[in-house]
Amino acid sequence: MKKNLLVFLLLLLHFSVFAQNQYLVVFKDKANSTYSVSNPKQFLSDRSIQRRAKQKIAITERDLPPNVSYLTEISKKGAKVLYKSRWLNAALIETTPAILNQILKFSFVKGLEGTGDIRSARLGGVSESSGPGNKFDSEEVTDNGFSQTQLAMLGADKMHTKGFRGEGMLIGVLDSGFQNADQLSFFKDLFTDKRVIGTYDFVDRELNVYNDHTHGTNVLSCMAAYEIGKIVGTAYKASYLLLRTEDTSSETKREEANWLFGAEMADSVGVDVINTSLGYSTFDNPAQNYKYADMNGDRALATRAADWAAQTGILVVASAGNEGNGSWKYVGTPADADSIIAVGAVTSNRSVATFSSYGPSGDGRIKPDLAAQGQSTLVGTPGNTIGYSNGTSFASPLMAGFAASFWQAFPELTNMQVRDYLIRSASQYENPDNRIGYGIPDFEKAYEIAELDQLIANLKKQGKDVVVFPNPSNSQSDPMKVWILKDDAGQSFEYKLVDMTGKIIWSQTTTDKTITLPTKVDYWQTNYILKVTSENLNFTTKVARN
């Protein structure tokens, strides 16, 4: 018995000494780098560089890859470098604890992201709240159906009719795998047109993403599917980068690191929009769980990565989570990031889906930001069928494709302007809440707001003093607004409506440089004269209601 025990202890000691763990090692600086911000083609594609230039975003030291000499020194110690991070200035390495201790003594090493093995949750057992068995438990396909309802809710059907279907836009999808996606009839156009521009699996470190999990296939169908009479996605003419970052066999912080690597790849390729129908809050090892207060837009690795992606000009769209009925209840990471669109779920009749995660963020910001149909959402399956499914995982890609196609209509916009227009068009913009944020956006309204802003900006450049829009106005639901553009127009403004006999039928004196003309009056018939006067302004124009 003693001999057997001794052998067992020696084996255990051998295992502890030579076990290959994974660590995310962070460096102190990028000093003496072989890379330069003046030569970004070393590490960014032309499309990535152009996206930054269009949005007037400078390439900075954060964009530089980690110092090659630092990676070389780590490799010389016997550690294997698996992935590198530009934004975190870090490397994911595989090595023993003994070699790690030597690496941590390097003068250029700042320390570890997190504590210990980034996959350490694997050693701690599976927690009841977040085990792999229930990671996507709200997302089972149950029935056949058609996608018109979820498109019309956003006005995406009208958007498509207007000719905006995602052409020229590139969407990166970070998910758990895209099983059979390259063989499905509703993705036929996507692959025939060669609009999948790249793939990578960060879990298995291979190019094939079509042999893993089903979830990404369902998600992709909400954007990219096109099969007349069956299913149509919100950006079915866009191009796609398909990345597997999620390991469905576990829930560890390695998946957050994969998310970071995936977002950086998406950036370097030049994507315009990222959809991520993933979220993290609790892990297999409860010791690694986040607290609600950690969802403050700064703490979690995936959150920081999402904001870094946004700072490069990418519009990041993330599912809010399916914890509304659970013990966690709130949004997770990266949905808490402050520069992205976190998407909650509603039903087909626009009411809140009970499973949709709550806001606000841990620091009190409005979350989710927007909402789309996430209950009984029509999705495509790896079995080449279509059916209804539940989850904010599907509200998010509906929104991401919608945002990409809207952006196609206004290519000069920045990512944050696109986000702003969608929010301003949303159903409860004036009264947001902690269930669906600012509500459900509307294409026609967002389009009108963006078009008007462009008009005002152009007229101001031309030296125009006042804008009246729309003119003529067609109904009481489409009120006429007046904007005073002249910077030195004064402090107090008198607005008058005068009929053709010179009779004043309405007037208002205010300090506001923007007003809405009244609609609920019986004198609105055909043509009137609008007069706007102030200390340094005397403006007159004809206005009409059809």
Protein backbone atom coordinates (compact mmCIF):
# COMPACT_ATOMS: atom_id res chain seq x y z
CA MET A 1 0.00 0.00 0.00
CA LYS A 2 2.79 2.44 0.92
CA LYS A 3 4.63 1.62 -2.30
CA ASN A 4 1.50 2.28 -4.42
CA LEU A 5 0.88 5.54 -2.57
CA LEU A 6 4.47 6.64 -3.23
CA VAL A 7 4.13 5.88 -6.96
CA PHE A 8 0.87 7.86 -7.06
CA LEU A 9 2.45 10.85 -5.34
CA LEU A 10 5.43 10.78 -7.71
CA LEU A 11 3.07 10.70 -10.70
CA LEU A 12 1.09 13.61 -9.26
CA LEU A 13 4.30 15.59 -8.70
CA HIS A 14 5.42 14.83 -12.27
CA PHE A 15 2.08 16.05 -13.61
CA SER A 16 2.18 19.29 -11.59
CA VAL A 17 5.72 20.07 -12.75
CA PHE A 18 5.19 19.36 -16.46
CA ALA A 19 1.51 20.29 -16.94
CA GLN A 20 1.04 22.66 -19.87
CA ASN A 21 -1.18 25.50 -18.75
CA GLN A 22 -2.25 28.60 -20.69
CA TYR A 23 -1.54 32.13 -19.53
CA LEU A 24 -2.25 35.56 -20.98
CA VAL A 25 1.02 37.41 -20.40
CA VAL A 26 0.86 41.22 -20.62
CA PHE A 27 3.89 43.30 -21.62
CA LYS A 28 4.90 46.66 -20.18
CA ASP A 29 5.49 48.51 -23.45
CA LYS A 30 6.13 48.34 -27.18
CA ALA A 31 9.54 49.96 -27.00
CA ASN A 32 11.97 49.44 -29.89
CA SER A 33 9.27 47.75 -31.93
CA THR A 34 10.00 46.67 -35.49
CA TYR A 35 6.49 47.91 -36.34
CA SER A 36 5.57 51.54 -36.95
CA VAL A 37 2.34 53.53 -37.09
CA SER A 38 3.75 55.16 -40.22
CA ASN A 39 3.74 51.78 -41.99
CA PRO A 40 0.40 50.21 -40.99
CA LYS A 41 0.37 47.81 -43.96
CA GLN A 42 2.72 45.65 -41.87
CA PHE A 43 -0.20 44.64 -39.66
CA LEU A 44 -3.45 46.04 -41.13
CA SER A 45 -5.18 45.44 -44.45
CA ASP A 46 -5.89 48.27 -46.86
CA ARG A 47 -9.57 48.00 -45.99
CA SER A 48 -8.81 48.37 -42.27
CA ILE A 49 -6.63 51.41 -42.93
CA GLN A 50 -9.32 52.95 -45.15
CA ARG A 51 -11.99 52.44 -42.49
CA ARG A 52 -9.93 54.42 -40.01
CA ALA A 53 -9.10 57.13 -42.56
CA LYS A 54 -12.74 57.58 -43.56
CA GLN A 55 -13.69 58.12 -39.91
CA LYS A 56 -10.61 60.27 -39.19
CA ILE A 57 -9.29 57.72 -36.68
CA ALA A 58 -5.54 57.80 -36.16
CA ILE A 59 -3.44 54.64 -36.08
CA THR A 60 -1.76 54.57 -32.68
CA GLU A 61 0.69 52.51 -30.68
CA ARG A 62 -2.19 50.33 -29.47
CA ASP A 63 -2.57 49.06 -33.04
CA LEU A 64 1.03 47.80 -33.15
CA PRO A 65 1.64 44.07 -32.60
CA PRO A 66 3.63 43.07 -29.50
CA ASN A 67 7.38 43.45 -29.66
CA VAL A 68 8.87 40.53 -31.61
CA SER A 69 11.91 40.38 -29.34
CA TYR A 70 9.67 39.87 -26.30
CA LEU A 71 7.98 36.92 -27.98
CA THR A 72 11.34 35.49 -28.95
CA GLU A 73 12.61 35.61 -25.37
CA ILE A 74 9.47 33.85 -24.15
CA SER A 75 9.89 31.12 -26.78
CA LYS A 76 13.53 30.63 -25.80
CA LYS A 77 12.37 29.70 -22.30
CA GLY A 78 10.39 26.83 -23.78
CA ALA A 79 6.90 28.38 -23.78
CA LYS A 80 4.68 28.07 -26.83
CA VAL A 81 3.12 31.32 -28.11
CA LEU A 82 -0.46 30.52 -29.23
CA TYR A 83 -1.85 33.99 -29.99
CA LYS A 84 -0.76 37.61 -29.80
CA SER A 85 -2.85 40.66 -28.91
CA ARG A 86 -2.11 44.11 -30.29
CA TRP A 87 -4.67 45.94 -28.17
CA LEU A 88 -3.86 44.29 -24.82
CA ASN A 89 -0.13 44.12 -25.72
CA ALA A 90 -0.06 40.52 -24.65
CA ALA A 91 0.55 36.92 -25.71
CA LEU A 92 -1.37 33.78 -24.90
CA ILE A 93 1.26 31.19 -24.07
CA GLU A 94 1.25 27.51 -23.19
CA THR A 95 3.83 26.41 -20.66
CA THR A 96 4.48 24.94 -17.23
CA PRO A 97 4.12 26.87 -13.97
CA ALA A 98 7.87 26.64 -13.46
CA ILE A 99 8.68 28.24 -16.81
CA LEU A 100 5.97 30.84 -16.28
CA ASN A 101 7.69 31.95 -13.08
CA GLN A 102 10.84 32.58 -15.10
CA ILE A 103 8.92 34.51 -17.76
CA LEU A 104 7.26 36.72 -15.16
CA LYS A 105 10.73 37.84 -14.06
CA PHE A 106 11.51 39.38 -17.45
CA SER A 107 11.86 43.16 -17.19
CA PHE A 108 9.45 43.67 -20.10
CA VAL A 109 6.64 41.60 -18.56
CA LYS A 110 3.94 43.48 -16.68
CA GLY A 111 2.13 40.40 -15.39
CA LEU A 112 -0.89 38.23 -16.18
CA GLU A 113 -4.37 39.12 -17.36
CA GLY A 114 -6.40 37.49 -14.62
CA THR A 115 -4.82 35.00 -12.24
CA GLY A 116 -3.19 31.75 -13.17
CA ASP A 117 -4.22 29.43 -15.99
CA ILE A 118 -6.78 31.27 -18.11
CA ARG A 119 -8.58 27.93 -18.47
CA SER A 120 -8.42 27.20 -14.73
CA ALA A 121 -12.19 26.93 -14.57
CA ARG A 122 -11.80 23.53 -16.23
CA LEU A 123 -10.17 22.31 -13.03
CA GLY A 124 -12.90 23.65 -10.74
CA GLY A 125 -15.89 21.62 -11.85
CA VAL A 126 -19.08 22.84 -13.46
CA SER A 127 -21.21 25.38 -11.62
CA GLU A 128 -24.98 25.08 -11.63
CA SER A 129 -25.48 28.52 -13.11
CA SER A 130 -23.27 28.43 -16.17
CA GLY A 131 -22.34 24.93 -17.26
CA PRO A 132 -21.93 24.12 -20.95
CA GLY A 133 -25.15 22.16 -20.95
CA ASN A 134 -27.27 25.30 -20.63
CA LYS A 135 -25.14 27.87 -22.43
CA PHE A 136 -27.66 28.27 -25.24
CA ASP A 137 -30.62 26.68 -23.47
CA SER A 138 -33.14 29.32 -24.59
CA GLU A 139 -32.27 28.80 -28.22
CA GLU A 140 -33.87 25.62 -29.55
CA VAL A 141 -35.53 25.55 -32.95
CA THR A 142 -39.16 24.51 -32.59
CA ASP A 143 -41.19 25.20 -35.73
CA ASN A 144 -41.25 26.45 -39.34
CA GLY A 145 -42.26 29.96 -40.37
CA PHE A 146 -41.39 33.09 -42.36
CA SER A 147 -39.23 36.12 -41.61
CA GLN A 148 -41.42 39.04 -42.72
CA THR A 149 -42.50 39.94 -39.17
CA GLN A 150 -38.97 40.33 -37.81
CA LEU A 151 -37.90 42.33 -40.88
CA ALA A 152 -40.91 44.64 -40.85
CA MET A 153 -40.48 45.34 -37.12
CA LEU A 154 -37.26 47.20 -37.96
CA GLY A 155 -38.42 48.51 -41.32
CA ALA A 156 -35.82 46.26 -42.94
CA ASP A 157 -38.29 45.18 -45.61
CA LYS A 158 -38.63 48.83 -46.71
CA MET A 159 -34.87 49.23 -46.43
CA HIS A 160 -34.38 46.32 -48.84
CA THR A 161 -36.96 47.76 -51.24
CA LYS A 162 -34.99 51.01 -51.21
CA GLY A 163 -31.93 49.04 -52.33
CA PHE A 164 -29.94 48.73 -49.11
CA ARG A 165 -29.20 45.06 -48.49
CA GLY A 166 -25.64 45.22 -47.21
CA GLU A 167 -23.79 45.47 -50.53
CA GLY A 168 -20.19 46.51 -49.96
CA MET A 169 -20.36 46.02 -46.20
CA LEU A 170 -18.23 43.48 -44.31
CA ILE A 171 -19.60 41.85 -41.15
CA GLY A 172 -17.50 39.81 -38.74
CA VAL A 173 -19.37 37.10 -36.83
CA LEU A 174 -17.83 35.82 -33.58
CA ASP A 175 -19.62 32.66 -32.49
CA SER A 176 -19.41 28.97 -31.57
CA GLY A 177 -19.20 27.44 -35.05
CA PHE A 178 -21.15 27.48 -38.30
CA GLN A 179 -22.06 23.84 -38.80
CA ASN A 180 -22.84 22.97 -42.44
CA ALA A 181 -23.21 26.64 -43.39
CA ASP A 182 -21.32 26.07 -46.65
CA GLN A 183 -23.85 23.39 -47.70
CA LEU A 184 -27.22 25.04 -47.01
CA SER A 185 -29.68 26.24 -49.63
CA PHE A 186 -30.48 29.51 -47.86
CA PHE A 187 -26.77 30.42 -47.96
CA LYS A 188 -26.35 29.41 -51.61
CA ASP A 189 -25.99 33.00 -52.87
CA LEU A 190 -23.57 33.83 -50.05
CA PHE A 191 -21.12 31.12 -51.13
CA THR A 192 -21.78 31.29 -54.88
CA ASP A 193 -20.94 35.00 -54.78
CA LYS A 194 -17.85 34.21 -52.65
CA ARG A 195 -18.90 36.68 -49.99
CA VAL A 196 -17.42 34.68 -47.10
CA ILE A 197 -14.03 36.35 -47.27
CA GLY A 198 -12.36 34.34 -44.50
CA THR A 199 -12.74 31.90 -41.61
CA TYR A 200 -10.79 30.94 -38.50
CA ASP A 201 -11.37 28.73 -35.46
CA PHE A 202 -9.60 30.16 -32.39
CA VAL A 203 -10.61 27.16 -30.27
CA ASP A 204 -9.11 24.41 -32.43
CA ARG A 205 -6.62 26.65 -34.24
CA GLU A 206 -7.73 25.77 -37.75
CA LEU A 207 -9.49 27.37 -40.72
CA ASN A 208 -12.53 25.10 -40.77
CA VAL A 209 -15.52 26.60 -38.91
CA TYR A 210 -18.17 24.45 -40.59
CA ASN A 211 -17.67 21.29 -38.51
CA ASP A 212 -18.39 22.56 -35.02
CA HIS A 213 -21.49 23.96 -33.33
CA THR A 214 -24.92 24.92 -34.71
CA HIS A 215 -25.38 28.24 -32.95
CA GLY A 216 -23.36 30.34 -35.40
CA THR A 217 -25.33 28.90 -38.32
CA ASN A 218 -28.58 30.03 -36.71
CA VAL A 219 -27.10 33.46 -36.00
CA LEU A 220 -25.65 33.91 -39.50
CA SER A 221 -29.04 33.11 -41.07
CA CYS A 222 -30.60 36.18 -39.40
CA MET A 223 -28.25 38.35 -41.46
CA ALA A 224 -27.08 36.44 -44.53
CA ALA A 225 -29.85 33.97 -45.45
CA TYR A 226 -31.72 34.48 -48.70
CA GLU A 227 -34.23 31.96 -49.96
CA ILE A 228 -37.37 33.44 -51.45
CA GLY A 229 -40.55 32.27 -49.74
CA LYS A 230 -38.62 30.92 -46.75
CA ILE A 231 -36.12 33.21 -45.04
CA VAL A 232 -34.43 36.56 -45.72
CA GLY A 233 -31.74 38.11 -43.53
CA THR A 234 -31.29 41.79 -42.80
CA ALA A 235 -28.01 42.07 -44.77
CA TYR A 236 -28.24 39.26 -47.31
CA LYS A 237 -25.91 40.97 -49.80
CA ALA A 238 -23.14 41.78 -47.32
CA SER A 239 -19.82 39.93 -47.09
CA TYR A 240 -18.83 37.99 -43.98
CA LEU A 241 -15.84 36.94 -41.89
CA LEU A 242 -16.72 33.84 -39.84
CA LEU A 243 -14.76 33.31 -36.62
CA ARG A 244 -15.19 30.65 -33.97
CA THR A 245 -14.23 32.03 -30.56
CA GLU A 246 -16.65 30.09 -28.33
CA ASP A 247 -15.90 26.66 -26.84
CA THR A 248 -19.29 25.12 -26.08
CA SER A 249 -17.72 22.37 -23.96
CA SER A 250 -16.86 24.81 -21.19
CA GLU A 251 -17.25 28.36 -19.91
CA THR A 252 -13.85 29.85 -19.09
CA LYS A 253 -12.08 33.15 -19.49
CA ARG A 254 -10.08 31.66 -22.37
CA GLU A 255 -13.20 32.35 -24.43
CA GLU A 256 -12.98 36.04 -23.57
CA ALA A 257 -9.37 35.95 -24.75
CA ASN A 258 -10.53 34.26 -27.97
CA TRP A 259 -13.07 37.07 -28.36
CA LEU A 260 -10.25 39.61 -28.12
CA PHE A 261 -8.18 37.75 -30.72
CA GLY A 262 -11.21 37.44 -32.99
CA ALA A 263 -12.05 41.13 -32.74
CA GLU A 264 -8.45 42.03 -33.58
CA MET A 265 -8.52 39.75 -36.62
CA ALA A 266 -11.81 41.33 -37.69
CA ASP A 267 -10.22 44.75 -37.34
CA SER A 268 -7.10 43.82 -39.31
CA VAL A 269 -9.20 42.34 -42.14
CA GLY A 270 -11.29 45.52 -42.26
CA VAL A 271 -14.79 44.60 -41.09
CA ASP A 272 -17.36 47.35 -40.68
CA VAL A 273 -19.62 45.58 -38.18
CA ILE A 274 -19.07 42.82 -35.61
CA ASN A 275 -21.94 40.68 -34.40
CA THR A 276 -21.37 38.69 -31.24
CA SER A 277 -24.21 36.60 -29.92
CA LEU A 278 -22.10 35.61 -26.93
CA GLY A 279 -21.93 36.83 -23.37
CA TYR A 280 -20.13 36.02 -20.15
CA SER A 281 -20.92 36.55 -16.49
CA THR A 282 -20.50 33.26 -14.61
CA PHE A 283 -18.07 30.45 -15.28
CA ASP A 284 -17.53 26.75 -14.67
CA ASN A 285 -15.35 27.68 -11.73
CA PRO A 286 -17.45 30.02 -9.53
CA ALA A 287 -14.25 31.63 -8.23
CA GLN A 288 -13.90 33.30 -11.65
CA ASN A 289 -17.46 34.66 -11.75
CA TYR A 290 -18.06 38.34 -12.37
CA LYS A 291 -20.15 40.41 -10.02
CA TYR A 292 -22.88 42.73 -11.30
CA ALA A 293 -20.71 45.70 -10.33
CA ASP A 294 -18.03 44.37 -12.69
CA MET A 295 -20.36 45.01 -15.64
CA ASN A 296 -19.31 48.67 -15.60
CA GLY A 297 -17.94 49.05 -19.13
CA ASP A 298 -14.29 48.81 -18.03
CA ARG A 299 -13.66 45.63 -16.07
CA ALA A 300 -14.16 42.50 -18.20
CA LEU A 301 -11.68 41.58 -20.92
CA ALA A 302 -14.35 41.11 -23.61
CA THR A 303 -15.82 44.50 -22.68
CA ARG A 304 -12.50 46.26 -23.07
CA ALA A 305 -11.94 44.43 -26.36
CA ALA A 306 -15.35 45.53 -27.67
CA ASP A 307 -14.62 49.16 -26.85
CA TRP A 308 -11.17 48.91 -28.43
CA ALA A 309 -12.83 47.55 -31.57
CA ALA A 310 -15.26 50.48 -31.53
CA GLN A 311 -12.34 52.88 -31.24
CA THR A 312 -11.01 51.56 -34.57
CA GLY A 313 -14.30 52.48 -36.29
CA ILE A 314 -16.07 49.11 -36.07
CA LEU A 315 -19.73 49.05 -35.05
CA VAL A 316 -19.97 46.28 -32.45
CA VAL A 317 -23.39 44.68 -31.88
CA ALA A 318 -23.81 42.23 -28.98
CA SER A 319 -26.64 40.19 -27.54
CA ALA A 320 -27.77 41.39 -24.13
CA GLY A 321 -28.11 37.86 -22.73
CA ASN A 322 -30.88 35.44 -21.76
CA GLU A 323 -30.70 35.83 -17.99
CA GLY A 324 -33.92 37.80 -17.43
CA ASN A 325 -35.55 34.85 -15.68
CA GLY A 326 -32.35 33.63 -14.04
CA SER A 327 -30.41 34.37 -10.89
CA TRP A 328 -27.92 36.64 -12.69
CA LYS A 329 -30.66 38.66 -14.45
CA TYR A 330 -28.42 41.43 -15.85
CA VAL A 331 -26.48 41.96 -19.08
CA GLY A 332 -23.03 40.37 -19.20
CA THR A 333 -19.82 41.13 -21.04
CA PRO A 334 -19.32 42.46 -23.70
CA ALA A 335 -22.88 43.86 -23.71
CA ASP A 336 -21.94 46.31 -20.93
CA ALA A 337 -19.41 48.10 -23.15
CA ASP A 338 -20.26 51.78 -23.58
CA SER A 339 -19.45 52.22 -27.28
CA ILE A 340 -21.45 49.33 -28.72
CA ILE A 341 -25.07 48.35 -29.35
CA ALA A 342 -26.32 45.79 -26.82
CA VAL A 343 -29.53 44.20 -28.09
CA GLY A 344 -32.44 42.97 -26.01
CA ALA A 345 -35.24 40.72 -27.23
CA VAL A 346 -38.92 41.39 -27.90
CA THR A 347 -41.75 39.17 -29.09
CA SER A 348 -43.47 39.39 -32.46
CA ASN A 349 -45.97 41.85 -30.95
CA ARG A 350 -43.11 44.07 -29.68
CA SER A 351 -43.50 43.23 -25.98
CA VAL A 352 -40.45 42.41 -23.86
CA ALA A 353 -39.29 38.79 -24.00
CA THR A 354 -39.13 37.71 -20.36
CA PHE A 355 -35.79 35.92 -20.77
CA SER A 356 -34.05 39.03 -22.11
CA SER A 357 -31.38 40.28 -19.69
CA TYR A 358 -31.92 43.44 -17.69
CA GLY A 359 -30.02 46.70 -17.48
CA PRO A 360 -28.70 49.03 -16.39
CA SER A 361 -24.97 48.37 -16.57
CA GLY A 362 -23.07 48.04 -13.32
CA ASP A 363 -22.32 51.77 -13.39
CA GLY A 364 -25.90 52.80 -14.14
CA ARG A 365 -25.90 53.32 -17.93
CA ILE A 366 -28.88 52.45 -20.15
CA LYS A 367 -28.63 48.80 -21.19
CA PRO A 368 -29.63 47.15 -23.41
CA ASP A 369 -29.34 49.91 -26.00
CA LEU A 370 -31.87 48.66 -28.55
CA ALA A 371 -34.14 45.67 -29.20
CA ALA A 372 -35.26 43.39 -32.02
CA GLN A 373 -37.32 40.22 -32.27
CA GLY A 374 -35.67 37.53 -30.17
CA GLN A 375 -38.66 35.38 -29.29
CA SER A 376 -39.98 33.14 -32.06
CA THR A 377 -37.30 34.50 -34.38
CA LEU A 378 -37.05 32.70 -37.69
CA VAL A 379 -33.62 31.11 -38.19
CA GLY A 380 -32.00 28.64 -40.53
CA THR A 381 -30.63 25.35 -39.18
CA PRO A 382 -27.69 23.08 -40.10
CA GLY A 383 -30.26 20.53 -41.28
CA ASN A 384 -31.29 22.92 -44.09
CA THR A 385 -34.63 23.69 -42.49
CA ILE A 386 -35.99 26.91 -41.06
CA GLY A 387 -37.72 27.32 -37.74
CA TYR A 388 -38.51 29.58 -34.83
CA SER A 389 -36.01 30.06 -32.02
CA ASN A 390 -35.68 32.13 -28.85
CA GLY A 391 -32.77 34.21 -27.61
CA THR A 392 -31.14 37.61 -27.71
CA SER A 393 -28.62 35.70 -29.83
CA PHE A 394 -30.99 36.23 -32.75
CA ALA A 395 -32.12 39.76 -31.92
CA SER A 396 -28.46 40.78 -32.13
CA PRO A 397 -27.72 39.62 -35.71
CA LEU A 398 -31.02 41.01 -36.93
CA MET A 399 -29.80 44.35 -35.56
CA ALA A 400 -26.23 43.93 -36.85
CA GLY A 401 -27.38 43.24 -40.41
CA PHE A 402 -29.90 46.06 -40.16
CA ALA A 403 -27.19 48.48 -38.99
CA ALA A 404 -24.82 47.38 -41.76
CA SER A 405 -27.46 47.91 -44.45
CA PHE A 406 -28.43 51.28 -42.99
CA TRP A 407 -24.74 52.26 -42.99
CA GLN A 408 -24.62 51.31 -46.67
CA ALA A 409 -27.17 54.09 -47.27
CA PHE A 410 -24.90 56.66 -45.57
CA PRO A 411 -21.31 55.45 -46.13
CA GLU A 412 -19.81 58.74 -44.94
CA LEU A 413 -21.04 58.14 -41.37
CA THR A 414 -18.84 56.98 -38.50
CA ASN A 415 -19.71 53.89 -36.48
CA MET A 416 -20.85 56.03 -33.57
CA GLN A 417 -23.06 58.15 -35.83
CA VAL A 418 -24.76 55.00 -37.11
CA ARG A 419 -25.34 53.92 -33.51
CA ASP A 420 -26.74 57.36 -32.69
CA TYR A 421 -29.17 57.41 -35.62
CA LEU A 422 -30.56 54.00 -34.76
CA ILE A 423 -31.05 55.06 -31.14
CA ARG A 424 -32.70 58.36 -32.14
CA SER A 425 -35.12 56.45 -34.38
CA ALA A 426 -36.10 53.96 -31.69
CA SER A 427 -39.59 53.48 -30.28
CA GLN A 428 -38.87 54.77 -26.76
CA TYR A 429 -36.02 57.16 -27.43
CA GLU A 430 -37.56 59.79 -25.18
CA ASN A 431 -38.20 57.35 -22.33
CA PRO A 432 -35.68 54.48 -22.26
CA ASP A 433 -35.89 51.70 -19.69
CA ASN A 434 -33.81 48.82 -18.33
CA ARG A 435 -35.49 46.09 -20.42
CA ILE A 436 -35.11 47.18 -24.05
CA GLY A 437 -33.26 50.47 -23.63
CA TYR A 438 -34.26 53.00 -26.27
CA GLY A 439 -36.51 50.44 -27.92
CA ILE A 440 -36.93 49.16 -31.47
CA PRO A 441 -35.29 51.28 -34.21
CA ASP A 442 -37.08 52.14 -37.44
CA PHE A 443 -35.35 52.39 -40.82
CA GLU A 444 -37.54 55.12 -42.32
CA LYS A 445 -37.21 57.32 -39.26
CA ALA A 446 -33.46 56.78 -38.97
CA TYR A 447 -33.09 57.46 -42.69
CA GLU A 448 -35.08 60.70 -42.40
CA ILE A 449 -33.08 61.92 -39.41
CA ALA A 450 -29.76 61.17 -41.11
CA GLU A 451 -30.92 62.75 -44.36
CA LEU A 452 -32.09 65.85 -42.53
CA ASP A 453 -28.82 66.18 -40.63
CA GLN A 454 -26.98 65.97 -43.94
CA LEU A 455 -29.25 68.63 -45.42
CA ILE A 456 -28.74 70.97 -42.49
CA ALA A 457 -24.97 70.49 -42.57
CA ASN A 458 -24.85 71.17 -46.31
CA LEU A 459 -27.10 74.23 -46.07
CA LYS A 460 -25.03 75.60 -43.22
CA LYS A 461 -21.90 75.24 -45.36
CA GLN A 462 -23.74 77.19 -48.07
CA GLY A 463 -24.45 80.01 -45.63
CA LYS A 464 -28.19 79.35 -45.24
CA ASP A 465 -29.78 80.95 -42.19
CA VAL A 466 -32.95 78.84 -41.70
CA VAL A 467 -34.14 75.35 -42.69
CA VAL A 468 -37.80 74.27 -42.83
CA PHE A 469 -38.39 70.52 -43.21
CA PRO A 470 -40.41 68.77 -44.45
CA ASN A 471 -41.93 71.39 -46.70
CA PRO A 472 -44.57 70.64 -47.78
CA SER A 473 -45.68 68.53 -44.85
CA ASN A 474 -48.04 65.72 -45.74
CA SER A 475 -49.86 64.95 -42.50
CA GLN A 476 -50.21 65.71 -38.81
CA SER A 477 -47.95 62.72 -38.13
CA ASP A 478 -45.21 64.41 -40.15
CA PRO A 479 -44.86 67.80 -38.46
CA MET A 480 -42.92 70.65 -40.03
CA LYS A 481 -39.80 71.73 -38.14
CA VAL A 482 -37.76 74.92 -38.28
CA TRP A 483 -34.01 75.15 -37.61
CA ILE A 484 -32.16 78.44 -37.25
CA LEU A 485 -28.63 77.78 -38.53
CA LYS A 486 -27.15 81.26 -38.26
CA ASP A 487 -24.69 81.27 -35.36
CA ASP A 488 -25.13 84.95 -34.45
CA ALA A 489 -28.90 85.12 -35.07
CA GLY A 490 -29.59 86.42 -31.56
CA GLN A 491 -31.00 85.26 -28.23
CA SER A 492 -34.80 85.52 -28.74
CA PHE A 493 -36.74 84.39 -31.81
CA GLU A 494 -40.24 85.18 -33.04
CA TYR A 495 -41.91 82.60 -35.31
CA LYS A 496 -45.10 83.58 -37.20
CA LEU A 497 -47.49 81.86 -39.61
CA VAL A 498 -49.26 84.40 -41.82
CA ASP A 499 -52.04 83.69 -44.33
CA MET A 500 -52.18 85.21 -47.82
CA THR A 501 -54.15 88.23 -46.56
CA GLY A 502 -51.40 89.09 -44.07
CA LYS A 503 -53.35 87.86 -41.03
CA ILE A 504 -51.22 86.32 -38.28
CA ILE A 505 -52.74 82.92 -37.52
CA TRP A 506 -50.06 81.64 -35.14
CA SER A 507 -46.99 83.03 -33.40
CA GLN A 508 -44.46 82.05 -30.78
CA THR A 509 -41.53 83.85 -29.15
CA THR A 510 -38.84 81.63 -27.64
CA THR A 511 -35.10 81.26 -27.11
CA ASP A 512 -35.18 77.91 -28.96
CA LYS A 513 -33.42 77.79 -32.34
CA THR A 514 -35.38 74.67 -33.28
CA ILE A 515 -39.16 74.39 -33.09
CA THR A 516 -42.00 72.23 -34.43
CA LEU A 517 -44.86 74.12 -36.06
CA PRO A 518 -48.34 73.30 -34.70
CA THR A 519 -50.39 70.54 -36.32
CA LYS A 520 -53.68 70.48 -34.39
CA VAL A 521 -55.18 73.68 -35.73
CA ASP A 522 -57.99 74.18 -38.23
CA TYR A 523 -56.18 76.88 -40.19
CA TRP A 524 -53.72 74.44 -41.80
CA GLN A 525 -55.12 74.17 -45.31
CA THR A 526 -52.69 74.91 -48.13
CA ASN A 527 -50.14 77.74 -48.33
CA TYR A 528 -48.92 80.14 -45.66
CA ILE A 529 -45.98 82.41 -45.04
CA LEU A 530 -43.50 81.58 -42.26
CA LYS A 531 -41.61 84.54 -40.79
CA VAL A 532 -38.69 84.13 -38.39
CA THR A 533 -37.19 87.26 -36.86
CA SER A 534 -34.64 88.12 -34.16
CA GLU A 535 -32.01 90.74 -33.44
CA ASN A 536 -29.90 89.68 -36.44
CA LEU A 537 -32.33 87.65 -38.53
CA ASN A 538 -35.25 88.42 -40.84
CA PHE A 539 -36.35 85.28 -42.71
CA THR A 540 -39.50 84.66 -44.80
CA THR A 541 -40.57 81.61 -46.83
CA LYS A 542 -43.71 79.91 -48.16
CA VAL A 543 -44.80 76.74 -46.33
CA ALA A 544 -47.56 74.30 -47.19
CA ARG A 545 -49.39 71.20 -46.01
CA ASN A 546 -50.64 68.81 -48.67
